[in-house]
């Protein structure tokens, strides 16, 4: 899954550790999310979009659909 976590996190001058604390996960989880190696639960995606001050989950996460 592609994300814009890193982009929005940097715009807010937020470290990976700060974001991890804000959404109650480890820094390693944030790293995996930013690298597209981990797909978050809906609850985590919601927490991340809130922490990054985005209105919609779709602004942060791009669902890859294979037809």
Protein backbone atom coordinates (compact mmCIF):
# COMPACT_ATOMS: atom_id res chain seq x y z
CA UNK A 1 0.00 0.00 0.00
CA UNK A 2 1.36 3.39 -0.94
CA UNK A 3 1.20 6.12 1.68
CA UNK A 4 1.93 9.81 2.08
CA UNK A 5 2.73 9.43 5.77
CA UNK A 6 6.31 10.63 5.41
CA UNK A 7 5.28 13.66 3.33
CA UNK A 8 2.62 14.84 5.78
CA UNK A 9 4.74 13.97 8.83
CA UNK A 10 7.59 16.11 7.51
CA UNK A 11 5.21 18.98 6.68
CA UNK A 12 4.22 18.95 10.37
CA UNK A 13 7.90 18.71 11.40
CA UNK A 14 7.04 15.49 13.25
CA UNK A 15 9.53 12.70 13.85
CA UNK A 16 8.71 9.04 13.34
CA UNK A 17 8.91 8.60 17.11
CA UNK A 18 6.44 11.44 17.73
CA UNK A 19 3.97 10.00 15.25
CA UNK A 20 4.38 6.54 16.73
CA UNK A 21 3.62 7.87 20.21
CA UNK A 22 0.62 9.83 18.93
CA UNK A 23 -0.96 6.72 17.39
CA UNK A 24 0.24 4.22 20.03
CA UNK A 25 2.54 2.05 17.90
CA UNK A 26 6.31 1.54 17.69
CA UNK A 27 8.65 3.58 15.53
CA UNK A 28 9.35 0.38 13.60
CA UNK A 29 5.66 0.23 12.63
CA UNK A 30 5.82 3.78 11.28
CA UNK A 31 8.95 2.87 9.30
CA UNK A 32 7.21 -0.20 7.83
CA UNK A 33 4.14 1.88 6.94
CA UNK A 34 6.22 4.58 5.24
CA UNK A 35 8.04 1.93 3.22
CA UNK A 36 4.81 0.20 2.21
CA UNK A 37 5.74 -3.04 3.96
CA UNK A 38 2.78 -3.01 6.37
CA UNK A 39 -0.93 -2.46 5.86
CA UNK A 40 -2.59 -0.79 8.84
CA UNK A 41 -5.89 -1.74 10.38
CA UNK A 42 -8.73 0.67 9.75
CA UNK A 43 -8.43 1.92 13.33
CA UNK A 44 -4.70 2.63 12.94
CA UNK A 45 -5.25 4.32 9.57
CA UNK A 46 -7.86 6.55 11.22
CA UNK A 47 -5.49 7.44 14.08
CA UNK A 48 -2.71 8.26 11.62
CA UNK A 49 -4.88 10.52 9.47
CA UNK A 50 -5.95 12.36 12.61
CA UNK A 51 -2.38 12.72 13.88
CA UNK A 52 -1.34 14.05 10.47
CA UNK A 53 -4.26 16.51 10.51
CA UNK A 54 -5.91 15.10 7.38
CA UNK A 55 -9.65 14.98 6.81
CA UNK A 56 -9.83 11.69 4.89
CA UNK A 57 -7.95 8.40 5.18
CA UNK A 58 -7.65 8.40 1.39
CA UNK A 59 -5.43 11.49 1.60
CA UNK A 60 -2.83 9.41 3.44
CA UNK A 61 -3.31 5.87 2.10
CA UNK A 62 -3.66 4.80 -1.52
CA UNK A 63 -5.42 1.50 -1.93
CA UNK A 64 -3.92 -0.59 -4.72
CA UNK A 65 -6.69 -2.47 -6.48
CA UNK A 66 -5.87 -5.37 -8.75
CA UNK A 67 -8.60 -6.24 -11.23
